Amino acid sequence: MEANQPPWPTRWLMTDERIGERLWEAIDRLPPGAGIVFRHYSLAEGERRQLGRQVAEQARQRELVLAIAGCRHLADELGAAIVHRPDRPGKLPCSMAVHDARQAQAAREEGAVLAFVAPVFATRSHPATSALGPDQAVMLARKIQCPAIALGGMDEERFRALDAGYPGAFHGFAGIDCWLRT
């Protein structure tokens, strides 16, 4: 990580439409210093912007790091720290999704500051997608030149086990359901 970049969070919430009104519950359960990747791709532009403003306000109040998926303009408007899978070049640092070796190479070439390697394990949010499994996920994490975040079926317990088996391969983990369990 470059000296001028902040230390990126080790715990992340990935938002999307499936989370519904439980979004606020998930945000409330994030530990201090965690991050939010605001996705909600299918919302109309105005609705996405309005919900994004509410999420950005929650992130500011809770001192969470905000990443906006896809739209650099919206990321700039909302004061995000990162744009995830950016739609165009810009000043904000970017994070990338890594599902295979080609995307790992793209993350390196794009200068990503974080890479979300997925799905490490089977996940309810993408039931038709085959899991990479720990060995393949770690191989991808080692191909990128930035901190890797494990995504897909992750929670604290699984992350601890993954980190014990492959020390330092992942900077942290992200998820949806793990922040909604009671």
Protein backbone atom coordinates (compact mmCIF):
# COMPACT_ATOMS: atom_id res chain seq x y z
CA MET A 1 0.00 0.00 0.00
CA GLU A 2 1.30 3.46 -0.86
CA ALA A 3 2.14 5.84 1.96
CA ASN A 4 -0.59 8.30 0.96
CA GLN A 5 -3.35 5.68 1.09
CA PRO A 6 -5.26 5.04 4.30
CA PRO A 7 -5.16 1.60 5.88
CA TRP A 8 -8.18 -0.04 4.28
CA PRO A 9 -10.76 -1.79 6.47
CA THR A 10 -10.57 -5.50 7.10
CA ARG A 11 -14.37 -5.93 7.38
CA TRP A 12 -16.81 -4.91 4.62
CA LEU A 13 -20.55 -4.96 3.97
CA MET A 14 -21.58 -5.50 0.34
CA THR A 15 -25.00 -3.93 -0.19
CA ASP A 16 -27.60 -4.78 -2.80
CA GLU A 17 -31.34 -4.81 -3.28
CA ARG A 18 -31.81 -8.24 -1.68
CA ILE A 19 -30.92 -6.85 1.74
CA GLY A 20 -34.05 -4.65 1.71
CA GLU A 21 -34.82 -2.70 4.87
CA ARG A 22 -32.31 -4.82 6.79
CA LEU A 23 -29.62 -2.61 5.25
CA TRP A 24 -29.69 -0.34 8.31
CA GLU A 25 -29.44 -3.32 10.67
CA ALA A 26 -26.39 -4.59 8.76
CA ILE A 27 -24.72 -1.17 8.86
CA ASP A 28 -25.38 -0.95 12.62
CA ARG A 29 -23.61 -4.29 13.13
CA LEU A 30 -20.42 -3.27 11.36
CA PRO A 31 -17.44 -2.89 13.68
CA PRO A 32 -15.77 0.51 14.02
CA GLY A 33 -13.59 1.32 11.03
CA ALA A 34 -15.31 -1.17 8.70
CA GLY A 35 -16.30 -0.43 5.12
CA ILE A 36 -19.44 -0.42 2.99
CA VAL A 37 -19.52 -1.17 -0.73
CA PHE A 38 -22.76 0.45 -1.88
CA ARG A 39 -23.97 -1.45 -4.95
CA HIS A 40 -27.77 -1.39 -5.46
CA TYR A 41 -27.22 -1.49 -9.23
CA SER A 42 -30.83 -2.14 -10.27
CA LEU A 43 -32.32 0.98 -8.69
CA ALA A 44 -33.26 3.86 -10.94
CA GLU A 45 -30.61 6.60 -10.91
CA GLY A 46 -32.59 8.95 -8.64
CA GLU A 47 -33.50 6.20 -6.19
CA ARG A 48 -29.91 4.95 -6.08
CA ARG A 49 -28.62 8.47 -5.47
CA GLN A 50 -31.12 9.05 -2.64
CA LEU A 51 -30.37 5.74 -0.93
CA GLY A 52 -26.66 6.36 -1.48
CA ARG A 53 -26.96 9.70 0.34
CA GLN A 54 -28.55 7.95 3.31
CA VAL A 55 -25.86 5.26 3.36
CA ALA A 56 -23.13 7.92 3.04
CA GLU A 57 -24.59 9.80 6.00
CA GLN A 58 -24.63 6.60 8.09
CA ALA A 59 -21.03 5.91 7.06
CA ARG A 60 -19.97 9.42 8.12
CA GLN A 61 -21.78 9.19 11.45
CA ARG A 62 -20.27 5.77 12.22
CA GLU A 63 -16.81 6.61 10.77
CA LEU A 64 -17.04 3.82 8.21
CA VAL A 65 -15.22 3.80 4.86
CA LEU A 66 -17.58 4.19 1.90
CA ALA A 67 -17.05 2.68 -1.55
CA ILE A 68 -19.54 3.30 -4.35
CA ALA A 69 -19.85 0.62 -7.01
CA GLY A 70 -19.74 1.48 -10.67
CA CYS A 71 -20.28 5.21 -10.83
CA ARG A 72 -17.34 7.56 -10.26
CA HIS A 73 -19.65 10.56 -10.47
CA LEU A 74 -21.84 9.25 -7.63
CA ALA A 75 -18.74 8.26 -5.62
CA ASP A 76 -17.42 11.82 -5.92
CA GLU A 77 -20.82 13.31 -5.11
CA LEU A 78 -21.21 11.19 -1.96
CA GLY A 79 -17.67 11.71 -0.71
CA ALA A 80 -16.67 8.05 -1.07
CA ALA A 81 -13.11 6.94 -0.41
CA ILE A 82 -13.13 4.30 -3.17
CA VAL A 83 -15.02 3.52 -6.34
CA HIS A 84 -15.63 -0.22 -6.83
CA ARG A 85 -15.49 -1.49 -10.43
CA PRO A 86 -15.36 2.06 -11.85
CA ASP A 87 -17.21 3.05 -14.99
CA ARG A 88 -14.45 5.43 -16.13
CA PRO A 89 -11.04 6.78 -15.10
CA GLY A 90 -10.92 9.30 -12.28
CA LYS A 91 -9.11 10.54 -9.20
CA LEU A 92 -10.56 8.22 -6.56
CA PRO A 93 -8.75 4.94 -5.91
CA CYS A 94 -10.57 1.85 -7.14
CA SER A 95 -11.32 -1.64 -5.94
CA MET A 96 -12.04 -4.53 -8.26
CA ALA A 97 -13.93 -7.82 -8.22
CA VAL A 98 -11.71 -10.85 -8.86
CA HIS A 99 -13.38 -14.11 -9.86
CA ASP A 100 -10.63 -15.53 -12.09
CA ALA A 101 -7.03 -15.06 -13.26
CA ARG A 102 -8.05 -12.61 -16.00
CA GLN A 103 -9.72 -10.33 -13.43
CA ALA A 104 -6.71 -10.65 -11.11
CA GLN A 105 -4.53 -9.38 -13.97
CA ALA A 106 -7.00 -6.55 -14.64
CA ALA A 107 -6.92 -5.52 -10.95
CA ARG A 108 -3.12 -5.26 -11.17
CA GLU A 109 -3.24 -3.32 -14.43
CA GLU A 110 -5.92 -0.93 -13.16
CA GLY A 111 -3.93 -0.20 -10.00
CA ALA A 112 -6.67 -1.39 -7.66
CA VAL A 113 -6.10 -0.58 -3.99
CA LEU A 114 -8.32 -3.52 -2.93
CA ALA A 115 -9.55 -6.65 -4.67
CA PHE A 116 -12.63 -8.59 -3.59
CA VAL A 117 -11.88 -12.26 -4.40
CA ALA A 118 -15.12 -14.21 -4.78
CA PRO A 119 -16.84 -16.48 -4.14
CA VAL A 120 -14.50 -18.20 -1.74
CA PHE A 121 -17.36 -20.39 -0.44
CA ALA A 122 -20.91 -21.03 -1.64
CA THR A 123 -23.15 -18.07 -0.99
CA ARG A 124 -26.88 -17.56 -0.71
CA SER A 125 -26.72 -14.34 -2.73
CA HIS A 126 -25.30 -16.14 -5.80
CA PRO A 127 -26.53 -19.75 -5.48
CA ALA A 128 -25.78 -20.70 -9.11
CA THR A 129 -22.14 -19.61 -8.91
CA SER A 130 -19.56 -22.27 -8.13
CA ALA A 131 -17.33 -21.48 -5.16
CA LEU A 132 -13.61 -21.04 -5.81
CA GLY A 133 -12.66 -22.85 -2.63
CA PRO A 134 -9.82 -21.68 -0.41
CA ASP A 135 -6.92 -22.95 -2.57
CA GLN A 136 -8.11 -21.24 -5.76
CA ALA A 137 -9.11 -18.06 -3.90
CA VAL A 138 -5.68 -17.81 -2.28
CA MET A 139 -4.00 -18.37 -5.65
CA LEU A 140 -5.97 -15.42 -7.07
CA ALA A 141 -5.24 -13.27 -4.01
CA ARG A 142 -1.53 -13.85 -4.53
CA LYS A 143 -1.72 -12.76 -8.19
CA ILE A 144 -2.91 -9.26 -7.35
CA GLN A 145 -0.67 -6.52 -6.00
CA CYS A 146 -3.00 -5.03 -3.42
CA PRO A 147 -4.81 -6.21 -0.29
CA ALA A 148 -7.28 -9.01 -1.06
CA ILE A 149 -10.69 -9.23 0.62
CA ALA A 150 -12.31 -12.68 0.84
CA LEU A 151 -15.96 -12.61 -0.28
CA GLY A 152 -18.58 -15.32 -0.56
CA GLY A 153 -19.95 -17.29 2.36
CA MET A 154 -17.68 -15.44 4.75
CA ASP A 155 -18.07 -14.56 8.41
CA GLU A 156 -15.65 -14.05 11.33
CA GLU A 157 -15.30 -17.77 12.04
CA ARG A 158 -14.66 -18.75 8.43
CA PHE A 159 -12.21 -15.89 8.02
CA ARG A 160 -10.24 -16.95 11.10
CA ALA A 161 -10.05 -20.51 9.74
CA LEU A 162 -9.03 -19.24 6.28
CA ASP A 163 -6.36 -17.00 7.79
CA ALA A 164 -5.06 -19.85 9.97
CA GLY A 165 -4.72 -22.09 6.92
CA TYR A 166 -3.29 -19.38 4.65
CA PRO A 167 -1.74 -16.74 6.92
CA GLY A 168 -1.79 -13.26 5.43
CA ALA A 169 -3.32 -14.28 2.10
CA PHE A 170 -6.31 -12.04 2.77
CA HIS A 171 -6.43 -8.59 4.34
CA GLY A 172 -10.00 -9.18 5.53
CA PHE A 173 -13.45 -10.31 4.46
CA ALA A 174 -16.73 -8.97 3.12
CA GLY A 175 -20.28 -10.24 3.12
CA ILE A 176 -23.98 -9.56 3.41
CA ASP A 177 -25.57 -12.30 5.50
CA CYS A 178 -22.77 -12.31 8.08
CA TRP A 179 -23.88 -8.84 9.20
CA LEU A 180 -27.53 -9.91 9.55
CA ARG A 181 -27.19 -12.95 11.79
CA THR A 182 -28.63 -12.62 15.26
